[in-house]
Amino acid sequence: MPRRSDMNKDPDRVMELTQQAIALSDEGHYDAAEALLRKALVLLPDNEDIIRNYVNFCIEVAHNHHCVFENFVDAIKYYKKVLEVVPTEAETWMDLGSAHASNQEIMDALQAWQKALELLDVTRPRDKENIRLILENVRMVQGGLKDIDGVTEE
């Protein structure tokens, strides 16, 4: 008879956890869903499907909190969860920066955008566009700071 710890690492059991998490997420129970996905990730940390499911879940929840609910604190929390698993995800660093900027956390926004810039490759067209977007965001934040300080451009 297999040991309980071996049964917990059964890929079918882990996929079942993932499916339960997706159902919870669809019902809006994000914390419970994230806990199940995190458990699946711990059980099979090298499984690309599990990693992808966890990352996609966190990105979707973060985008919902950021763009739909304007709950920037939770958006930031979920973007950071993605970056714990895939720290080289430049677009998530960009989104994290935008969430920080929306939450008036300017220094954190600039640091996240700086990290994104370090990961982007100027020779790739999509990355070139992302660099342009980051610079546009930085200028927008800079303009907002000037408005706050009462500084006018000459």
C-alpha atoms as a PDB file:
ATOM      1  CA  MET A   1       0.000   0.000   0.000  1.00  0.00           C
ATOM      2  CA  PRO A   2       1.449   3.432  -0.911  1.00  0.00           C
ATOM      3  CA  ARG A   3       2.377   5.764   1.911  1.00  0.00           C
ATOM      4  CA  ARG A   4       0.121   8.783   2.464  1.00  0.00           C
ATOM      5  CA  SER A   5       2.912  11.171   1.453  1.00  0.00           C
ATOM      6  CA  ASP A   6       3.303   9.288  -1.845  1.00  0.00           C
ATOM      7  CA  MET A   7      -0.447   9.482  -2.452  1.00  0.00           C
ATOM      8  CA  ASN A   8      -0.350  13.241  -1.932  1.00  0.00           C
ATOM      9  CA  LYS A   9       2.197  13.549  -4.739  1.00  0.00           C
ATOM     10  CA  ASP A  10       0.028  11.625  -7.185  1.00  0.00           C
ATOM     11  CA  PRO A  11      -0.323  13.868 -10.256  1.00  0.00           C
ATOM     12  CA  ASP A  12      -4.018  13.006 -10.566  1.00  0.00           C
ATOM     13  CA  ARG A  13      -4.623  14.115  -6.959  1.00  0.00           C
ATOM     14  CA  VAL A  14      -2.714  17.324  -7.584  1.00  0.00           C
ATOM     15  CA  MET A  15      -4.746  18.029 -10.727  1.00  0.00           C
ATOM     16  CA  GLU A  16      -7.899  17.404  -8.679  1.00  0.00           C
ATOM     17  CA  LEU A  17      -6.714  20.083  -6.221  1.00  0.00           C
ATOM     18  CA  THR A  18      -6.187  22.403  -9.166  1.00  0.00           C
ATOM     19  CA  GLN A  19      -9.691  21.786 -10.504  1.00  0.00           C
ATOM     20  CA  GLN A  20     -11.172  22.419  -7.047  1.00  0.00           C
ATOM     21  CA  ALA A  21      -9.206  25.667  -6.899  1.00  0.00           C
ATOM     22  CA  ILE A  22     -10.530  26.784 -10.269  1.00  0.00           C
ATOM     23  CA  ALA A  23     -14.107  26.107  -9.114  1.00  0.00           C
ATOM     24  CA  LEU A  24     -13.515  28.127  -5.926  1.00  0.00           C
ATOM     25  CA  SER A  25     -11.997  30.947  -7.964  1.00  0.00           C
ATOM     26  CA  ASP A  26     -15.025  31.017 -10.270  1.00  0.00           C
ATOM     27  CA  GLU A  27     -17.166  31.516  -7.154  1.00  0.00           C
ATOM     28  CA  GLY A  28     -14.954  34.391  -5.994  1.00  0.00           C
ATOM     29  CA  HIS A  29     -13.254  32.492  -3.154  1.00  0.00           C
ATOM     30  CA  TYR A  30      -9.784  33.643  -4.151  1.00  0.00           C
ATOM     31  CA  ASP A  31      -7.957  32.976  -0.888  1.00  0.00           C
ATOM     32  CA  ALA A  32      -9.227  29.384  -0.663  1.00  0.00           C
ATOM     33  CA  ALA A  33      -8.446  28.798  -4.337  1.00  0.00           C
ATOM     34  CA  GLU A  34      -4.950  30.212  -3.939  1.00  0.00           C
ATOM     35  CA  ALA A  35      -4.331  27.970  -0.912  1.00  0.00           C
ATOM     36  CA  LEU A  36      -5.230  24.851  -2.932  1.00  0.00           C
ATOM     37  CA  LEU A  37      -3.065  25.929  -5.862  1.00  0.00           C
ATOM     38  CA  ARG A  38      -0.190  26.690  -3.497  1.00  0.00           C
ATOM     39  CA  LYS A  39      -0.599  23.196  -1.986  1.00  0.00           C
ATOM     40  CA  ALA A  40      -0.490  21.649  -5.465  1.00  0.00           C
ATOM     41  CA  LEU A  41       2.633  23.675  -6.224  1.00  0.00           C
ATOM     42  CA  VAL A  42       4.321  22.433  -3.049  1.00  0.00           C
ATOM     43  CA  LEU A  43       3.429  18.825  -3.863  1.00  0.00           C
ATOM     44  CA  LEU A  44       4.712  18.996  -7.456  1.00  0.00           C
ATOM     45  CA  PRO A  45       6.968  22.061  -7.634  1.00  0.00           C
ATOM     46  CA  ASP A  46       8.512  21.162 -10.995  1.00  0.00           C
ATOM     47  CA  ASN A  47       5.257  20.414 -12.807  1.00  0.00           C
ATOM     48  CA  GLU A  48       4.900  23.006 -15.568  1.00  0.00           C
ATOM     49  CA  ASP A  49       1.100  22.683 -15.692  1.00  0.00           C
ATOM     50  CA  ILE A  50       0.801  23.363 -11.962  1.00  0.00           C
ATOM     51  CA  ILE A  51       3.155  26.343 -12.204  1.00  0.00           C
ATOM     52  CA  ARG A  52       1.250  27.720 -15.203  1.00  0.00           C
ATOM     53  CA  ASN A  53      -2.126  27.261 -13.464  1.00  0.00           C
ATOM     54  CA  TYR A  54      -0.896  29.028 -10.331  1.00  0.00           C
ATOM     55  CA  VAL A  55       0.655  31.897 -12.263  1.00  0.00           C
ATOM     56  CA  ASN A  56      -2.379  32.333 -14.527  1.00  0.00           C
ATOM     57  CA  PHE A  57      -4.702  32.298 -11.516  1.00  0.00           C
ATOM     58  CA  CYS A  58      -2.675  34.943  -9.689  1.00  0.00           C
ATOM     59  CA  ILE A  59      -2.434  37.133 -12.778  1.00  0.00           C
ATOM     60  CA  GLU A  60      -6.183  36.901 -13.409  1.00  0.00           C
ATOM     61  CA  VAL A  61      -7.019  37.748  -9.795  1.00  0.00           C
ATOM     62  CA  ALA A  62      -4.487  40.594  -9.786  1.00  0.00           C
ATOM     63  CA  HIS A  63      -5.896  42.032 -13.024  1.00  0.00           C
ATOM     64  CA  ASN A  64      -9.449  41.796 -11.645  1.00  0.00           C
ATOM     65  CA  HIS A  65      -8.467  43.565  -8.442  1.00  0.00           C
ATOM     66  CA  HIS A  66      -6.438  46.157 -10.345  1.00  0.00           C
ATOM     67  CA  CYS A  67      -8.644  46.954 -13.321  1.00  0.00           C
ATOM     68  CA  VAL A  68     -12.168  45.948 -12.287  1.00  0.00           C
ATOM     69  CA  PHE A  69     -12.390  46.451  -8.525  1.00  0.00           C
ATOM     70  CA  GLU A  70      -9.613  49.059  -8.225  1.00  0.00           C
ATOM     71  CA  ASN A  71      -8.403  47.141  -5.165  1.00  0.00           C
ATOM     72  CA  PHE A  72      -4.741  47.928  -5.658  1.00  0.00           C
ATOM     73  CA  VAL A  73      -3.516  46.365  -2.395  1.00  0.00           C
ATOM     74  CA  ASP A  74      -4.830  42.919  -3.386  1.00  0.00           C
ATOM     75  CA  ALA A  75      -3.628  43.388  -6.956  1.00  0.00           C
ATOM     76  CA  ILE A  76      -0.139  44.089  -5.651  1.00  0.00           C
ATOM     77  CA  LYS A  77      -0.342  41.022  -3.394  1.00  0.00           C
ATOM     78  CA  TYR A  78      -1.208  38.723  -6.290  1.00  0.00           C
ATOM     79  CA  TYR A  79       1.334  40.213  -8.697  1.00  0.00           C
ATOM     80  CA  LYS A  80       3.972  39.551  -6.034  1.00  0.00           C
ATOM     81  CA  LYS A  81       2.781  35.944  -5.729  1.00  0.00           C
ATOM     82  CA  VAL A  82       3.417  35.488  -9.458  1.00  0.00           C
ATOM     83  CA  LEU A  83       6.883  36.980  -9.122  1.00  0.00           C
ATOM     84  CA  GLU A  84       7.722  34.585  -6.269  1.00  0.00           C
ATOM     85  CA  VAL A  85       7.301  31.736  -8.769  1.00  0.00           C
ATOM     86  CA  VAL A  86       8.565  33.392 -11.965  1.00  0.00           C
ATOM     87  CA  PRO A  87      10.702  36.412 -11.049  1.00  0.00           C
ATOM     88  CA  THR A  88      11.738  36.924 -14.672  1.00  0.00           C
ATOM     89  CA  GLU A  89       8.211  37.770 -15.869  1.00  0.00           C
ATOM     90  CA  ALA A  90       8.779  41.319 -17.162  1.00  0.00           C
ATOM     91  CA  GLU A  91       5.116  42.019 -17.925  1.00  0.00           C
ATOM     92  CA  THR A  92       4.137  41.121 -14.370  1.00  0.00           C
ATOM     93  CA  TRP A  93       6.777  43.576 -13.104  1.00  0.00           C
ATOM     94  CA  MET A  94       5.174  46.176 -15.388  1.00  0.00           C
ATOM     95  CA  ASP A  95       1.706  45.411 -14.023  1.00  0.00           C
ATOM     96  CA  LEU A  96       3.023  45.515 -10.457  1.00  0.00           C
ATOM     97  CA  GLY A  97       4.450  48.955 -11.173  1.00  0.00           C
ATOM     98  CA  SER A  98       1.119  50.148 -12.542  1.00  0.00           C
ATOM     99  CA  ALA A  99      -0.735  48.842  -9.474  1.00  0.00           C
ATOM    100  CA  HIS A 100       1.748  50.616  -7.193  1.00  0.00           C
ATOM    101  CA  ALA A 101       1.343  53.830  -9.197  1.00  0.00           C
ATOM    102  CA  SER A 102      -2.453  53.548  -8.987  1.00  0.00           C
ATOM    103  CA  ASN A 103      -2.060  53.166  -5.222  1.00  0.00           C
ATOM    104  CA  GLN A 104       0.150  56.303  -5.061  1.00  0.00           C
ATOM    105  CA  GLU A 105       3.234  54.209  -4.160  1.00  0.00           C
ATOM    106  CA  ILE A 106       5.504  55.999  -6.596  1.00  0.00           C
ATOM    107  CA  MET A 107       8.890  54.675  -5.456  1.00  0.00           C
ATOM    108  CA  ASP A 108       7.605  51.089  -5.495  1.00  0.00           C
ATOM    109  CA  ALA A 109       6.183  51.676  -8.981  1.00  0.00           C
ATOM    110  CA  LEU A 110       9.496  53.014 -10.246  1.00  0.00           C
ATOM    111  CA  GLN A 111      11.389  50.067  -8.743  1.00  0.00           C
ATOM    112  CA  ALA A 112       9.029  47.549 -10.363  1.00  0.00           C
ATOM    113  CA  TRP A 113       9.319  49.270 -13.742  1.00  0.00           C
ATOM    114  CA  GLN A 114      13.111  49.346 -13.369  1.00  0.00           C
ATOM    115  CA  LYS A 115      13.103  45.580 -12.796  1.00  0.00           C
ATOM    116  CA  ALA A 116      10.927  45.127 -15.899  1.00  0.00           C
ATOM    117  CA  LEU A 117      13.335  47.226 -17.956  1.00  0.00           C
ATOM    118  CA  GLU A 118      16.235  45.042 -16.811  1.00  0.00           C
ATOM    119  CA  LEU A 119      14.403  41.959 -18.124  1.00  0.00           C
ATOM    120  CA  LEU A 120      13.274  43.328 -21.488  1.00  0.00           C
ATOM    121  CA  ASP A 121      15.248  42.942 -24.715  1.00  0.00           C
ATOM    122  CA  VAL A 122      15.240  46.066 -26.896  1.00  0.00           C
ATOM    123  CA  THR A 123      15.754  43.928 -30.028  1.00  0.00           C
ATOM    124  CA  ARG A 124      12.398  42.161 -29.640  1.00  0.00           C
ATOM    125  CA  PRO A 125       9.400  44.109 -31.021  1.00  0.00           C
ATOM    126  CA  ARG A 126       7.030  43.237 -28.146  1.00  0.00           C
ATOM    127  CA  ASP A 127       9.669  44.179 -25.588  1.00  0.00           C
ATOM    128  CA  LYS A 128      10.335  47.418 -27.457  1.00  0.00           C
ATOM    129  CA  GLU A 129       6.648  48.293 -27.112  1.00  0.00           C
ATOM    130  CA  ASN A 130       6.731  47.396 -23.405  1.00  0.00           C
ATOM    131  CA  ILE A 131       9.747  49.668 -22.908  1.00  0.00           C
ATOM    132  CA  ARG A 132       7.815  52.474 -24.578  1.00  0.00           C
ATOM    133  CA  LEU A 133       4.854  51.848 -22.249  1.00  0.00           C
ATOM    134  CA  ILE A 134       7.069  51.869 -19.166  1.00  0.00           C
ATOM    135  CA  LEU A 135       8.676  55.161 -20.182  1.00  0.00           C
ATOM    136  CA  GLU A 136       5.215  56.609 -20.816  1.00  0.00           C
ATOM    137  CA  ASN A 137       4.114  55.491 -17.335  1.00  0.00           C
ATOM    138  CA  VAL A 138       7.233  57.026 -15.779  1.00  0.00           C
ATOM    139  CA  ARG A 139       6.529  60.340 -17.529  1.00  0.00           C
ATOM    140  CA  MET A 140       2.923  60.229 -16.341  1.00  0.00           C
ATOM    141  CA  VAL A 141       4.009  59.599 -12.739  1.00  0.00           C
ATOM    142  CA  GLN A 142       6.622  62.322 -13.038  1.00  0.00           C
ATOM    143  CA  GLY A 143       3.952  64.742 -14.291  1.00  0.00           C
ATOM    144  CA  GLY A 144       1.739  63.828 -11.353  1.00  0.00           C
ATOM    145  CA  LEU A 145       4.558  64.564  -8.936  1.00  0.00           C
ATOM    146  CA  LYS A 146       5.125  67.962 -10.519  1.00  0.00           C
ATOM    147  CA  ASP A 147       1.419  68.748 -10.147  1.00  0.00           C
ATOM    148  CA  ILE A 148       1.531  67.768  -6.478  1.00  0.00           C
ATOM    149  CA  ASP A 149       4.592  69.907  -5.774  1.00  0.00           C
ATOM    150  CA  GLY A 150       3.198  72.838  -7.711  1.00  0.00           C
ATOM    151  CA  VAL A 151       6.184  72.736 -10.056  1.00  0.00           C
ATOM    152  CA  THR A 152       5.515  73.800 -13.604  1.00  0.00           C
ATOM    153  CA  GLU A 153       7.550  72.921 -16.636  1.00  0.00           C
ATOM    154  CA  GLU A 154       9.177  75.745 -18.511  1.00  0.00           C
END
